């Protein structure tokens, strides 16, 4: 439950690069908070949050202490006039892009830039098994996470985890005791499918895994 609450409101991932951008992943329909990231702002007349350095989302005047919000963001943004952070609500994939805080006075100064990526939660993976408990042949498990597959032949009560990464998506197959687990995740969500081995598989010695990307 704590994990779901975190996903529904809080930004999840920061990665600072040489471009001085901060990468943030947010789940479709969730909210994301963009912070100034500094406690010492230069003197300014106005402070604006812009998308792609062109469209003003909000504009704050240091003289009047008033905030102007772009009509298209009405009821979908919260601006904190103490910390100057911006919270964007109900984010959609079309709103992925660069978000920049700019302090304006004698000149414009970029304070911080975020590269926001809005992505869907992962679909549940599917763990399937081709076996017969009365057959001497080992179990053949297939862990399918949308466009990623791990195939696994189970012959004993333990195995080494197998993991495949594609873009921001990770598919992981692992074993604990008599359970096989197929875990599919991205930066904003994860889902798992689990099966018990006892009663399904004939247990012999040795294990090996193979994987492929479709």
C-alpha atoms as a PDB file:
ATOM      1  CA  UNK A   1       0.000   0.000   0.000  1.00  0.00           C
ATOM      2  CA  UNK A   2       2.818   2.433   0.828  1.00  0.00           C
ATOM      3  CA  UNK A   3       4.356   1.728  -2.574  1.00  0.00           C
ATOM      4  CA  UNK A   4       1.102   2.506  -4.375  1.00  0.00           C
ATOM      5  CA  UNK A   5       0.673   5.762  -2.485  1.00  0.00           C
ATOM      6  CA  UNK A   6       4.199   6.755  -3.400  1.00  0.00           C
ATOM      7  CA  UNK A   7       3.518   6.049  -7.043  1.00  0.00           C
ATOM      8  CA  UNK A   8       0.277   7.985  -7.056  1.00  0.00           C
ATOM      9  CA  UNK A   9       1.737  11.278  -5.917  1.00  0.00           C
ATOM     10  CA  UNK A  10       5.492  11.502  -5.545  1.00  0.00           C
ATOM     11  CA  UNK A  11       8.115  11.714  -8.237  1.00  0.00           C
ATOM     12  CA  UNK A  12      10.164   8.567  -8.318  1.00  0.00           C
ATOM     13  CA  UNK A  13      13.526   8.861  -9.991  1.00  0.00           C
ATOM     14  CA  UNK A  14      16.224  11.491 -10.261  1.00  0.00           C
ATOM     15  CA  UNK A  15      19.243  11.112 -12.530  1.00  0.00           C
ATOM     16  CA  UNK A  16      21.552  14.080 -12.932  1.00  0.00           C
ATOM     17  CA  UNK A  17      23.521  14.216 -16.150  1.00  0.00           C
ATOM     18  CA  UNK A  18      26.094  16.462 -17.773  1.00  0.00           C
ATOM     19  CA  UNK A  19      23.255  18.493 -19.301  1.00  0.00           C
ATOM     20  CA  UNK A  20      22.230  19.636 -15.778  1.00  0.00           C
ATOM     21  CA  UNK A  21      18.800  18.144 -16.368  1.00  0.00           C
ATOM     22  CA  UNK A  22      17.046  16.060 -13.736  1.00  0.00           C
ATOM     23  CA  UNK A  23      15.171  13.075 -15.134  1.00  0.00           C
ATOM     24  CA  UNK A  24      11.855  12.258 -13.489  1.00  0.00           C
ATOM     25  CA  UNK A  25       9.501   9.382 -14.248  1.00  0.00           C
ATOM     26  CA  UNK A  26       5.851   9.704 -13.312  1.00  0.00           C
ATOM     27  CA  UNK A  27       2.953   7.308 -13.793  1.00  0.00           C
ATOM     28  CA  UNK A  28       0.163   8.301 -16.166  1.00  0.00           C
ATOM     29  CA  UNK A  29      -2.578  10.043 -14.188  1.00  0.00           C
ATOM     30  CA  UNK A  30      -0.356  10.704 -11.166  1.00  0.00           C
ATOM     31  CA  UNK A  31       1.114  13.959  -9.834  1.00  0.00           C
ATOM     32  CA  UNK A  32       4.713  15.129  -9.804  1.00  0.00           C
ATOM     33  CA  UNK A  33       6.419  17.797  -7.708  1.00  0.00           C
ATOM     34  CA  UNK A  34       9.246  19.824  -9.270  1.00  0.00           C
ATOM     35  CA  UNK A  35      11.511  21.534  -6.757  1.00  0.00           C
ATOM     36  CA  UNK A  36      13.893  24.454  -7.208  1.00  0.00           C
ATOM     37  CA  UNK A  37      16.833  22.367  -5.879  1.00  0.00           C
ATOM     38  CA  UNK A  38      18.659  25.394  -4.450  1.00  0.00           C
ATOM     39  CA  UNK A  39      18.284  27.496  -1.296  1.00  0.00           C
ATOM     40  CA  UNK A  40      20.027  30.574  -2.725  1.00  0.00           C
ATOM     41  CA  UNK A  41      18.035  32.047  -5.577  1.00  0.00           C
ATOM     42  CA  UNK A  42      19.325  35.125  -7.404  1.00  0.00           C
ATOM     43  CA  UNK A  43      17.294  38.312  -7.003  1.00  0.00           C
ATOM     44  CA  UNK A  44      14.404  38.318  -9.446  1.00  0.00           C
ATOM     45  CA  UNK A  45      11.362  40.293 -10.490  1.00  0.00           C
ATOM     46  CA  UNK A  46       9.464  37.268 -11.756  1.00  0.00           C
ATOM     47  CA  UNK A  47       9.890  33.520 -11.405  1.00  0.00           C
ATOM     48  CA  UNK A  48       8.309  31.322 -14.046  1.00  0.00           C
ATOM     49  CA  UNK A  49       7.919  27.610 -14.628  1.00  0.00           C
ATOM     50  CA  UNK A  50       7.890  26.896 -18.346  1.00  0.00           C
ATOM     51  CA  UNK A  51       7.424  23.851 -20.498  1.00  0.00           C
ATOM     52  CA  UNK A  52       9.984  23.509 -23.302  1.00  0.00           C
ATOM     53  CA  UNK A  53      11.192  27.030 -22.377  1.00  0.00           C
ATOM     54  CA  UNK A  54       8.264  28.640 -24.190  1.00  0.00           C
ATOM     55  CA  UNK A  55       4.893  28.128 -22.519  1.00  0.00           C
ATOM     56  CA  UNK A  56       4.467  29.747 -19.096  1.00  0.00           C
ATOM     57  CA  UNK A  57       2.767  27.315 -16.757  1.00  0.00           C
ATOM     58  CA  UNK A  58       2.896  29.724 -13.816  1.00  0.00           C
ATOM     59  CA  UNK A  59       4.456  33.151 -13.332  1.00  0.00           C
ATOM     60  CA  UNK A  60       5.133  34.583  -9.877  1.00  0.00           C
ATOM     61  CA  UNK A  61       5.774  38.287  -9.255  1.00  0.00           C
ATOM     62  CA  UNK A  62       8.083  39.083  -6.330  1.00  0.00           C
ATOM     63  CA  UNK A  63       6.605  42.616  -6.115  1.00  0.00           C
ATOM     64  CA  UNK A  64       2.901  41.807  -6.051  1.00  0.00           C
ATOM     65  CA  UNK A  65       3.292  38.275  -4.636  1.00  0.00           C
ATOM     66  CA  UNK A  66       0.697  37.160  -7.178  1.00  0.00           C
ATOM     67  CA  UNK A  67       0.728  34.008  -9.277  1.00  0.00           C
ATOM     68  CA  UNK A  68      -0.612  33.818 -12.821  1.00  0.00           C
ATOM     69  CA  UNK A  69      -1.464  30.381 -14.165  1.00  0.00           C
ATOM     70  CA  UNK A  70      -1.862  29.381 -17.803  1.00  0.00           C
ATOM     71  CA  UNK A  71      -5.554  28.606 -18.539  1.00  0.00           C
ATOM     72  CA  UNK A  72      -4.753  25.113 -19.840  1.00  0.00           C
ATOM     73  CA  UNK A  73      -3.278  24.222 -16.431  1.00  0.00           C
ATOM     74  CA  UNK A  74      -6.154  25.579 -14.356  1.00  0.00           C
ATOM     75  CA  UNK A  75      -7.000  23.264 -11.432  1.00  0.00           C
ATOM     76  CA  UNK A  76      -4.079  21.010 -12.395  1.00  0.00           C
ATOM     77  CA  UNK A  77      -1.160  22.838 -10.762  1.00  0.00           C
ATOM     78  CA  UNK A  78      -0.129  23.869  -7.272  1.00  0.00           C
ATOM     79  CA  UNK A  79       2.557  26.542  -6.864  1.00  0.00           C
ATOM     80  CA  UNK A  80       4.254  27.038  -3.507  1.00  0.00           C
ATOM     81  CA  UNK A  81       5.085  30.748  -3.111  1.00  0.00           C
ATOM     82  CA  UNK A  82       7.512  29.971  -0.287  1.00  0.00           C
ATOM     83  CA  UNK A  83       9.633  27.222  -1.866  1.00  0.00           C
ATOM     84  CA  UNK A  84       8.655  28.024  -5.505  1.00  0.00           C
ATOM     85  CA  UNK A  85       8.055  24.338  -6.174  1.00  0.00           C
ATOM     86  CA  UNK A  86       5.519  23.315  -8.804  1.00  0.00           C
ATOM     87  CA  UNK A  87       3.175  20.338  -8.545  1.00  0.00           C
ATOM     88  CA  UNK A  88       1.567  19.078 -11.761  1.00  0.00           C
ATOM     89  CA  UNK A  89      -1.506  16.878 -11.409  1.00  0.00           C
ATOM     90  CA  UNK A  90      -3.081  14.177 -13.558  1.00  0.00           C
ATOM     91  CA  UNK A  91      -0.066  13.922 -15.839  1.00  0.00           C
ATOM     92  CA  UNK A  92      -0.557  12.470 -19.325  1.00  0.00           C
ATOM     93  CA  UNK A  93       1.996  11.025 -21.729  1.00  0.00           C
ATOM     94  CA  UNK A  94       1.586  13.996 -24.084  1.00  0.00           C
ATOM     95  CA  UNK A  95       2.937  16.186 -21.263  1.00  0.00           C
ATOM     96  CA  UNK A  96       6.345  14.524 -21.229  1.00  0.00           C
ATOM     97  CA  UNK A  97       9.094  17.038 -21.912  1.00  0.00           C
ATOM     98  CA  UNK A  98      11.354  19.685 -20.398  1.00  0.00           C
ATOM     99  CA  UNK A  99      10.149  21.811 -17.488  1.00  0.00           C
ATOM    100  CA  UNK A 100      12.323  24.768 -16.477  1.00  0.00           C
ATOM    101  CA  UNK A 101      12.239  27.284 -13.613  1.00  0.00           C
ATOM    102  CA  UNK A 102      13.463  30.691 -14.810  1.00  0.00           C
ATOM    103  CA  UNK A 103      14.252  33.740 -12.663  1.00  0.00           C
ATOM    104  CA  UNK A 104      13.792  37.013 -14.555  1.00  0.00           C
ATOM    105  CA  UNK A 105      15.240  40.410 -13.658  1.00  0.00           C
ATOM    106  CA  UNK A 106      17.970  42.294 -15.439  1.00  0.00           C
ATOM    107  CA  UNK A 107      18.488  39.002 -17.253  1.00  0.00           C
ATOM    108  CA  UNK A 108      16.890  35.561 -17.366  1.00  0.00           C
ATOM    109  CA  UNK A 109      18.538  32.754 -15.435  1.00  0.00           C
ATOM    110  CA  UNK A 110      17.642  29.077 -15.663  1.00  0.00           C
ATOM    111  CA  UNK A 111      17.380  27.754 -12.116  1.00  0.00           C
ATOM    112  CA  UNK A 112      16.610  24.085 -12.781  1.00  0.00           C
ATOM    113  CA  UNK A 113      15.403  21.915 -15.659  1.00  0.00           C
ATOM    114  CA  UNK A 114      13.526  18.635 -15.381  1.00  0.00           C
ATOM    115  CA  UNK A 115      13.064  16.092 -18.123  1.00  0.00           C
ATOM    116  CA  UNK A 116       9.722  14.568 -17.203  1.00  0.00           C
ATOM    117  CA  UNK A 117       8.739  11.213 -18.707  1.00  0.00           C
ATOM    118  CA  UNK A 118       5.140  10.144 -18.199  1.00  0.00           C
ATOM    119  CA  UNK A 119       4.761   6.393 -18.635  1.00  0.00           C
ATOM    120  CA  UNK A 120       2.093   3.783 -18.008  1.00  0.00           C
ATOM    121  CA  UNK A 121       2.235   1.265 -15.204  1.00  0.00           C
ATOM    122  CA  UNK A 122       3.393  -2.139 -16.371  1.00  0.00           C
ATOM    123  CA  UNK A 123       0.898  -4.832 -17.242  1.00  0.00           C
ATOM    124  CA  UNK A 124       0.953  -7.973 -15.129  1.00  0.00           C
ATOM    125  CA  UNK A 125       3.531 -10.517 -16.351  1.00  0.00           C
ATOM    126  CA  UNK A 126       2.461 -14.036 -17.236  1.00  0.00           C
ATOM    127  CA  UNK A 127       4.300 -17.059 -15.827  1.00  0.00           C
ATOM    128  CA  UNK A 128       3.401 -20.267 -17.632  1.00  0.00           C
ATOM    129  CA  UNK A 129       4.627 -23.834 -17.181  1.00  0.00           C
ATOM    130  CA  UNK A 130       4.686 -26.807 -19.526  1.00  0.00           C
ATOM    131  CA  UNK A 131       5.023 -29.893 -17.394  1.00  0.00           C
ATOM    132  CA  UNK A 132       3.425 -32.978 -15.972  1.00  0.00           C
ATOM    133  CA  UNK A 133       4.175 -34.059 -12.400  1.00  0.00           C
ATOM    134  CA  UNK A 134       4.111 -37.703 -13.485  1.00  0.00           C
ATOM    135  CA  UNK A 135       6.571 -37.108 -16.329  1.00  0.00           C
ATOM    136  CA  UNK A 136      10.337 -37.514 -15.856  1.00  0.00           C
ATOM    137  CA  UNK A 137      10.907 -34.448 -18.037  1.00  0.00           C
ATOM    138  CA  UNK A 138      11.848 -31.204 -16.215  1.00  0.00           C
ATOM    139  CA  UNK A 139       9.546 -28.184 -15.996  1.00  0.00           C
ATOM    140  CA  UNK A 140       9.769 -25.519 -18.661  1.00  0.00           C
ATOM    141  CA  UNK A 141       8.724 -22.097 -17.309  1.00  0.00           C
ATOM    142  CA  UNK A 142       8.144 -19.023 -19.467  1.00  0.00           C
ATOM    143  CA  UNK A 143       8.125 -15.561 -17.898  1.00  0.00           C
ATOM    144  CA  UNK A 144       6.515 -13.050 -20.275  1.00  0.00           C
ATOM    145  CA  UNK A 145       6.514  -9.311 -19.607  1.00  0.00           C
ATOM    146  CA  UNK A 146       4.913  -7.682 -22.621  1.00  0.00           C
ATOM    147  CA  UNK A 147       7.796  -7.622 -25.140  1.00  0.00           C
ATOM    148  CA  UNK A 148      10.378  -9.480 -23.013  1.00  0.00           C
ATOM    149  CA  UNK A 149      10.571 -13.233 -22.398  1.00  0.00           C
ATOM    150  CA  UNK A 150      12.669 -15.417 -20.127  1.00  0.00           C
ATOM    151  CA  UNK A 151      12.502 -19.177 -20.637  1.00  0.00           C
ATOM    152  CA  UNK A 152      13.595 -21.321 -17.705  1.00  0.00           C
ATOM    153  CA  UNK A 153      14.046 -25.068 -17.251  1.00  0.00           C
ATOM    154  CA  UNK A 154      13.660 -26.029 -13.610  1.00  0.00           C
ATOM    155  CA  UNK A 155      15.461 -29.125 -12.358  1.00  0.00           C
ATOM    156  CA  UNK A 156      16.146 -28.462  -8.684  1.00  0.00           C
ATOM    157  CA  UNK A 157      14.957 -26.547  -5.640  1.00  0.00           C
ATOM    158  CA  UNK A 158      17.117 -23.459  -6.243  1.00  0.00           C
ATOM    159  CA  UNK A 159      18.312 -21.316  -9.146  1.00  0.00           C
ATOM    160  CA  UNK A 160      20.231 -18.165  -9.977  1.00  0.00           C
ATOM    161  CA  UNK A 161      18.061 -15.116 -10.746  1.00  0.00           C
ATOM    162  CA  UNK A 162      17.782 -14.156 -14.410  1.00  0.00           C
ATOM    163  CA  UNK A 163      17.123 -10.561 -15.479  1.00  0.00           C
ATOM    164  CA  UNK A 164      16.497  -8.875 -18.820  1.00  0.00           C
ATOM    165  CA  UNK A 165      16.314  -5.105 -19.376  1.00  0.00           C
ATOM    166  CA  UNK A 166      14.655  -3.356 -22.309  1.00  0.00           C
ATOM    167  CA  UNK A 167      14.596   0.441 -22.303  1.00  0.00           C
ATOM    168  CA  UNK A 168      13.184   1.308 -18.841  1.00  0.00           C
ATOM    169  CA  UNK A 169      11.551  -2.091 -18.365  1.00  0.00           C
ATOM    170  CA  UNK A 170      13.006  -4.957 -16.327  1.00  0.00           C
ATOM    171  CA  UNK A 171      11.862  -8.579 -16.347  1.00  0.00           C
ATOM    172  CA  UNK A 172      13.259 -10.768 -13.573  1.00  0.00           C
ATOM    173  CA  UNK A 173      12.764 -14.468 -12.920  1.00  0.00           C
ATOM    174  CA  UNK A 174      13.857 -15.946  -9.586  1.00  0.00           C
ATOM    175  CA  UNK A 175      13.284 -18.902  -7.269  1.00  0.00           C
ATOM    176  CA  UNK A 176      12.726 -19.064  -3.526  1.00  0.00           C
ATOM    177  CA  UNK A 177      12.205 -22.494  -1.973  1.00  0.00           C
ATOM    178  CA  UNK A 178       9.433 -24.113  -4.035  1.00  0.00           C
ATOM    179  CA  UNK A 179       8.249 -20.879  -5.699  1.00  0.00           C
ATOM    180  CA  UNK A 180       9.057 -19.461  -9.133  1.00  0.00           C
ATOM    181  CA  UNK A 181       8.529 -15.682  -9.420  1.00  0.00           C
ATOM    182  CA  UNK A 182       8.205 -13.573 -12.551  1.00  0.00           C
ATOM    183  CA  UNK A 183       8.606  -9.853 -11.749  1.00  0.00           C
ATOM    184  CA  UNK A 184       7.990  -7.112 -14.332  1.00  0.00           C
ATOM    185  CA  UNK A 185       8.789  -3.477 -13.492  1.00  0.00           C
ATOM    186  CA  UNK A 186       9.559   0.010 -14.740  1.00  0.00           C
ATOM    187  CA  UNK A 187      10.491   3.190 -12.813  1.00  0.00           C
ATOM    188  CA  UNK A 188       6.889   3.775 -11.683  1.00  0.00           C
ATOM    189  CA  UNK A 189       5.429   0.319 -11.026  1.00  0.00           C
ATOM    190  CA  UNK A 190       6.004  -3.390 -10.632  1.00  0.00           C
ATOM    191  CA  UNK A 191       3.866  -6.531 -10.818  1.00  0.00           C
ATOM    192  CA  UNK A 192       4.592 -10.183 -10.119  1.00  0.00           C
ATOM    193  CA  UNK A 193       3.283 -13.636 -10.996  1.00  0.00           C
ATOM    194  CA  UNK A 194       4.211 -16.597  -8.789  1.00  0.00           C
ATOM    195  CA  UNK A 195       3.766 -20.360  -9.082  1.00  0.00           C
ATOM    196  CA  UNK A 196       4.486 -23.180  -6.643  1.00  0.00           C
ATOM    197  CA  UNK A 197       6.731 -25.913  -8.026  1.00  0.00           C
ATOM    198  CA  UNK A 198       5.601 -28.738  -5.731  1.00  0.00           C
ATOM    199  CA  UNK A 199       2.992 -30.879  -7.441  1.00  0.00           C
ATOM    200  CA  UNK A 200       3.861 -29.429 -10.854  1.00  0.00           C
ATOM    201  CA  UNK A 201       7.466 -30.366 -11.537  1.00  0.00           C
ATOM    202  CA  UNK A 202       9.604 -33.466 -11.423  1.00  0.00           C
ATOM    203  CA  UNK A 203      12.695 -32.389  -9.460  1.00  0.00           C
ATOM    204  CA  UNK A 204      16.095 -33.461 -10.808  1.00  0.00           C
ATOM    205  CA  UNK A 205      19.556 -31.976 -10.556  1.00  0.00           C
ATOM    206  CA  UNK A 206      20.712 -28.923 -12.498  1.00  0.00           C
ATOM    207  CA  UNK A 207      19.072 -25.745 -13.742  1.00  0.00           C
ATOM    208  CA  UNK A 208      19.562 -23.362 -16.588  1.00  0.00           C
ATOM    209  CA  UNK A 209      17.889 -20.263 -17.975  1.00  0.00           C
ATOM    210  CA  UNK A 210      17.635 -18.718 -21.392  1.00  0.00           C
ATOM    211  CA  UNK A 211      16.068 -15.410 -22.358  1.00  0.00           C
ATOM    212  CA  UNK A 212      15.037 -13.535 -25.442  1.00  0.00           C
ATOM    213  CA  UNK A 213      13.540 -10.214 -26.527  1.00  0.00           C
ATOM    214  CA  UNK A 214      10.622 -10.385 -28.932  1.00  0.00           C
END
